[in-house]
Amino acid sequence: MHTGGGILRQPMSVWATAFAAVVAFMGIGLVDPILPSIAQGLNATPSQVSLLFTSYFLVTAVAMLITGWVSSRIGGKRTLLAGLALVIVFAALAGTSTSVGELVGFRAGWGLGNALFVATALAVIVGAASGGAESAIILYEAALGLGISAGPLAGALLGDWNWRAPFFGTATLMAVGLVLIVTLLKATPKPAVKTRLSAPLRALAHGGLSTTAFTALFYNFAFFTILAFTPFILGMSPYGIGAVFFGWGVCVALASVFGAPPLQRRLGSVNVLHLALALLAVLQLGIAFSAAGGFHAGIIVFTVLSGIPIGLNNTVFTESAMEVSDAPRPVASAGYNFVRWMGGALAPFIATKLGEEIGVPVPYALGAACCLVGMAVLYTRRHHLLALSRVDEDHTVHDVATAPAG
């Protein structure tokens, strides 16, 4: 992968979109530190509270199928603004919830806005960024990592005062992002050809894209098992939970931006995915054994370190989905995200329910098993991923050709 020297030399429109993306991704981890507080404040069980993730990601996944259809008709900028407006409204409404059912419903509306924004933001950043698609994707993943790491911190700082405050805080920051995009992002032209509603599903007929997507589904199940269930077993205050997941998020961001590119050049994308999935499985088992043995420090350490393989996977999966098929990037992204976010929708409730009814180590053992299933899918369908090998070779040749002499 060649990032050149221009990844930070971007137009203001790209930075405005990236800022809004940071805030959008903050919404994923924002509720982590306050999950126990929400359960206490609304007299809900952990599995009921986990539906905050399930409703959010289920709606996000399904809505991914319409993002291209919408943006090809009203343009990228208007789609971004529509998504932001929905997030602002539903994040603010979430702060007014009087029951867990209301909160779950408002998070679903939030997920719709998030889908419209996130899918379109990647396409807008790739289209407007300097330095090529690879630099744009790294910038996008950096925004994801920064948002995921800042979310728990913001949730802890505001949530320690009141569990409703993080929702109002997110609505405020998203309003800032909306103003920046209105003022700094030029109207994006509508595509010459309108995207059909069926296009993302048709794109999944491609063996490479479907392999990437379904591997990512199992990966996301493992990912969101850690994110959704771990706050309940840490036994810490919102500040403590926020600190743990801030450290985790920093690992996600650093691995995404600085770890994935050199590893891809050295090992190739598919091998990096195998390595990251195997490492995530080992760390999940580390959490399981620590929980079974009452080793609290081990739970913290393994949770923080799990951010490293998650960061590697996030970048490599996103790039692979963009490069493996001949479908337009927005269409490929929509089909891929539809499948992979199903893992984020299923994991929180299933993992939390298993932890409640069978035992704390069980969700992490299942998460590790999902990583192994993902590796098996990659291996058995490796012939569909030959295009990624060619892309990796092109990037390596490009890097060697442009490296300074001496």
Foldseek 3Di string as FASTA:
>chain_A
DDQDPCLVVFALLLVLLLLLLLLLLLVQQQCQLCLVVVCVQQVHDLLLSLLLQQLLLLLLLVLLLCLLLVCLVQNLLVLQLQLLVQLLVLLLQLLVDNHSVSNSVSSNSNSNSSNSNLLSSLVVQQVRTPRHSLSSLLSSQLSNLSSQLVSLVLSLVQVLVPNSRSSNVSSVSSVVSSVSNVPRPDTGDRDPDRDDSCLLVVQCVQLQLVLLLQLLQLLLLLVLLLSSAVSVLLPDHSNVSSVLSSLLSVLLNCLQNPNQPVCCLVPNLLVLLLVLLQLSLVLLLQLLVCQVVVVSVSVSVSSSNNSNSNNNSVSSSLVSLQFLDPDHNSSSVSNSSSRNSSSSNPNNSVSNVCCVPPHNSVSSNSSSVSSVVSNVSCVVSVVSRVRRVVVSVVVNVVCVVPDDDD
